[in-house]
Every structure is written in C-alpha cells, then in structure tokens.
Amino acid sequence: MTKRLATPYACGAALTHADAMITTLIWYMQDRMDEVLSPSAHAALISLAEHCEALPAFRAAAPSDLEAMPRS
C-alpha cells in the first residue's frame, strides 16, 4: 500500500475517503499498537496521516482527552 500512495493525498491531488480511513487507522495503530508500525517501513503512511491531521477538519474532529478510549 505504501508504494501505491500518491501525493499530497493517498489518491492524488484531492482529499478523499481513503485519506480519512488511512489517517484514522494510523492514529489507532499508533495509539494502541505502536510496535506494529515501523517508522522507516511505514514512513509514507505516517507522513500522510500527519499531513491530514494538520488539516482544520481533522483537528476539529480529534477526540478530546475526555473522549479518549480507556486502555485495558
């Protein structure tokens, strides 16, 4: 999947549903399964997620500390 990413978004020049899905998946994996993601092997996916998370719509939708999922 990393090799198929376009720029600046997953499918090219426009933000799509794929970007939202990848970003939420990367966020979840970093939050719950950090050891699964390799910063070097998954750099493109992590970079895409960071790019999307900086967008106003993603920042507005980010969960607050009160909404964070409890760890088991």
Protein backbone atom coordinates (compact mmCIF):
# COMPACT_ATOMS: atom_id res chain seq x y z
CA MET A 1 0.00 0.00 0.00
CA THR A 2 2.83 2.38 0.82
CA LYS A 3 4.20 2.07 -2.71
CA ARG A 4 0.81 2.97 -4.22
CA LEU A 5 0.36 6.26 -2.35
CA ALA A 6 0.21 9.40 -4.46
CA THR A 7 0.91 12.91 -3.20
CA PRO A 8 -0.16 15.01 -1.46
CA TYR A 9 -3.01 12.61 -0.62
CA ALA A 10 -3.45 8.85 -0.95
CA CYS A 11 -5.12 9.00 -4.36
CA GLY A 12 -3.62 12.20 -5.78
CA ALA A 13 -4.24 15.90 -5.50
CA ALA A 14 -7.61 15.78 -3.70
CA LEU A 15 -8.52 14.66 -0.19
CA THR A 16 -10.69 11.52 -0.38
CA HIS A 17 -12.34 9.00 1.89
CA ALA A 18 -9.15 6.91 1.58
CA ASP A 19 -7.20 9.63 3.37
CA ALA A 20 -9.68 9.75 6.24
CA MET A 21 -9.60 5.98 6.60
CA ILE A 22 -5.80 5.74 6.45
CA THR A 23 -5.40 8.60 8.92
CA THR A 24 -7.79 7.09 11.47
CA LEU A 25 -6.18 3.67 11.07
CA ILE A 26 -2.68 5.07 11.59
CA TRP A 27 -3.88 7.08 14.60
CA TYR A 28 -5.44 3.95 16.11
CA MET A 29 -2.39 1.80 15.43
CA GLN A 30 -0.04 4.39 16.94
CA ASP A 31 -2.30 4.73 19.98
CA ARG A 32 -2.97 1.02 20.54
CA MET A 33 -0.31 -0.95 18.68
CA ASP A 34 2.68 1.33 18.34
CA GLU A 35 5.07 -1.60 17.96
CA VAL A 36 3.27 -2.68 14.76
CA LEU A 37 4.25 0.43 12.80
CA SER A 38 7.83 0.82 11.69
CA PRO A 39 8.81 4.49 11.26
CA SER A 40 11.03 3.55 8.31
CA ALA A 41 8.85 0.91 6.64
CA HIS A 42 5.63 2.89 7.09
CA ALA A 43 7.04 6.39 6.69
CA ALA A 44 4.76 7.29 3.77
CA LEU A 45 1.61 6.24 5.64
CA ILE A 46 2.68 8.03 8.82
CA SER A 47 3.54 11.14 6.80
CA LEU A 48 0.13 11.08 5.08
CA ALA A 49 -1.60 10.76 8.46
CA GLU A 50 0.41 13.66 9.90
CA HIS A 51 -0.42 15.78 6.84
CA CYS A 52 -4.15 15.05 7.22
CA GLU A 53 -4.13 15.52 11.00
CA ALA A 54 -2.84 19.07 10.45
CA LEU A 55 -5.93 19.98 8.39
CA PRO A 56 -8.59 22.03 10.22
CA ALA A 57 -11.33 19.41 9.69
CA PHE A 58 -9.20 16.66 11.22
CA ARG A 59 -8.17 18.87 14.14
CA ALA A 60 -11.82 19.74 14.79
CA ALA A 61 -12.80 16.07 14.82
CA ALA A 62 -9.95 14.86 17.03
CA PRO A 63 -11.13 13.26 20.26
CA SER A 64 -10.58 15.28 23.41
CA ASP A 65 -8.83 13.82 26.45
CA LEU A 66 -12.28 13.14 27.91
CA GLU A 67 -13.22 11.12 24.82
CA ALA A 68 -10.09 9.00 24.74
CA MET A 69 -10.65 5.28 24.82
CA PRO A 70 -9.54 3.71 28.08
CA ARG A 71 -6.67 1.27 27.93
CA SER A 72 -7.40 -2.23 29.10
